């Protein structure tokens, strides 16, 4: 196994040149010692200003004379992948005329690249907000998640960012974070294999048909204005349900295709 992924190496190279023009290799070695090998994009996305300060301080605990807080912030943008992804954020669309007379479900998709469902809840760059009904689906909003980095509780801030949605589609999410999402009124569904968001949402769209007898109270509460066939939704997207902490009843694991 490589000690550093290709994507992480690219991000780290940019950040190292910002922070240590004379000898960027020193910073790269220090990052590896601090995070442990292998260095991955996920590990880099956990870094904070305080972490970088500790790394730059070294054994003597003294920050370098040329320390510049703005450079630290810019370096973190590279380490988090934000500089790379700025041009890759998709454009918001207008609602198709065919959808305007029907209620819709609002789905937040954790994403790092274009319209991909490829984000981890706590570290994704943005949430793509789609509206879905039987007549179609469209990208209604793109919400930058960088605003949550300075929050005392990043997961709570991210949950609040998407609290107007009914569903969260995410590649992964931990139990405590899922509990906070559920408390915000959003139901998380995991798709461990990344892929195109629209293809996954089309499966949801196909499930928006008249409900069977015994309409579940959960869905009646989550989407009171829309008829979602829960059995079909489960058959299409859910393989198992796992407990995720006392505040979270369940995280549904979805599959594509």
Foldseek 3Di string as FASTA:
>chain_A
DDQEDPLQVQLLVVLLCLVPVPCSVLLVVLVCVLQPTNHYLVSLLVDDLVNSLCSQCPPVNDHDPPDDSVSSVVSSCSSLCNVVAVVFADDFDDDDPQPPVAAWAKEWAQAAGRQKNAAEQQRGQWIFIKTAELRGIGGHDIGGLPVLNPPPDSLLVSLLVCLVGAEYEHLYYALVSQLSNVVSNHAYEHEVDMDGNRQQVVQQSVQQDAEDPPPDPSCCVSPVRGGGHVVSSCVQFFDDWDHRDPSHPTYGYTYGD
